[in-house]
Amino acid sequence: MKISAFHTLQHLHEAIQEAFRFNDDHLFAFFMDGKPWSRNAYWSKEDNHPPYVDNAVIGQLGLVRGKSFLYLFDFGDEWKFDV
C-alpha cells in the first residue's frame, strides 16, 4: 500500500498492520514528538480519546524530511515503530 500526503494516519496504521501481518485487534496511537504517552498524539477511534487518527491528514501535520514520530500498537505489549 502506498501512502501519500492525502492519506490519514488511519491509512498509515492499516498499512503497518498489513506489512507486519497484525490482526488490528488492539488500540494504537501516533505520538508526533516520538515520546510514548505524550500529549502530542493522535489516537485510534476505539480509544475515545481525541484527536483521532482518521481526521489527521498526513500532508497537514507539518512533517518535514528527516522528522520521525512514533507509532505504538497494543498498549499492553507496546509494539513501537519509528515512522
Protein backbone atom coordinates (compact mmCIF):
# COMPACT_ATOMS: atom_id res chain seq x y z
CA MET A 1 0.00 0.00 0.00
CA LYS A 2 1.35 3.42 -0.92
CA ILE A 3 0.75 6.29 1.46
CA SER A 4 0.62 9.90 0.28
CA ALA A 5 0.11 13.31 1.84
CA PHE A 6 -3.62 12.92 1.16
CA HIS A 7 -3.96 9.83 3.34
CA THR A 8 -4.68 9.89 7.06
CA LEU A 9 -2.82 8.33 9.96
CA GLN A 10 -5.59 5.71 9.95
CA HIS A 11 -4.42 4.66 6.47
CA LEU A 12 -0.82 4.53 7.69
CA HIS A 13 -1.92 2.35 10.61
CA GLU A 14 -3.65 -0.04 8.19
CA ALA A 15 -0.52 -0.22 6.00
CA ILE A 16 1.68 -1.06 9.00
CA GLN A 17 -0.82 -3.67 10.16
CA GLU A 18 -0.75 -5.29 6.72
CA ALA A 19 3.05 -5.15 6.43
CA PHE A 20 3.58 -6.89 9.78
CA ARG A 21 0.58 -9.20 9.41
CA PHE A 22 -1.01 -7.99 12.63
CA ASN A 23 -4.72 -8.58 13.21
CA ASP A 24 -5.63 -4.95 14.02
CA ASP A 25 -7.03 -6.14 17.31
CA HIS A 26 -5.57 -3.63 19.78
CA LEU A 27 -5.61 0.09 20.47
CA PHE A 28 -2.92 2.27 18.93
CA ALA A 29 -1.69 5.84 18.72
CA PHE A 30 0.79 8.01 16.85
CA PHE A 31 2.99 10.20 19.08
CA MET A 32 4.17 13.05 16.91
CA ASP A 33 7.07 14.04 19.18
CA GLY A 34 8.33 10.45 19.31
CA LYS A 35 7.66 10.16 23.05
CA PRO A 36 5.28 7.42 24.15
CA TRP A 37 2.29 8.62 26.13
CA SER A 38 2.92 12.31 25.42
CA ARG A 39 0.01 14.65 24.78
CA ASN A 40 1.18 15.31 21.22
CA ALA A 41 -0.72 12.30 19.88
CA TYR A 42 -3.45 11.02 17.59
CA TRP A 43 -5.48 8.08 18.89
CA SER A 44 -7.49 5.21 17.45
CA LYS A 45 -11.21 5.94 17.47
CA GLU A 46 -11.87 2.98 19.75
CA ASP A 47 -9.84 4.69 22.47
CA ASN A 48 -12.38 7.54 22.87
CA HIS A 49 -9.50 9.97 23.30
CA PRO A 50 -9.38 12.69 20.61
CA PRO A 51 -7.79 13.80 18.38
CA TYR A 52 -8.34 10.75 16.20
CA VAL A 53 -6.15 9.22 13.51
CA ASP A 54 -8.91 9.21 10.89
CA ASN A 55 -9.01 13.03 11.00
CA ALA A 56 -5.22 13.50 10.80
CA VAL A 57 -4.30 14.07 7.15
CA ILE A 58 -0.59 13.37 6.75
CA GLY A 59 0.05 16.35 4.49
CA GLN A 60 -1.41 18.70 7.10
CA LEU A 61 0.70 17.53 10.05
CA GLY A 62 3.67 19.83 9.43
CA LEU A 63 6.06 16.96 8.80
CA VAL A 64 9.43 17.68 7.20
CA ARG A 65 12.04 15.41 5.67
CA GLY A 66 14.02 13.69 8.40
CA LYS A 67 11.39 14.15 11.12
CA SER A 68 10.22 10.94 12.73
CA PHE A 69 7.33 10.08 15.01
CA LEU A 70 6.24 7.02 16.97
CA TYR A 71 3.53 4.52 16.12
CA LEU A 72 2.60 2.50 19.20
CA PHE A 73 0.41 -0.57 18.71
CA ASP A 74 -1.07 -2.67 21.51
CA PHE A 75 -0.94 -0.67 24.71
CA GLY A 76 -0.16 -3.83 26.72
CA ASP A 77 2.76 -5.21 24.70
CA GLU A 78 3.72 -1.76 23.30
CA TRP A 79 4.95 -2.54 19.83
CA LYS A 80 6.89 0.64 18.92
CA PHE A 81 7.69 1.76 15.38
CA ASP A 82 9.70 4.82 14.37
CA VAL A 83 7.99 6.32 11.33
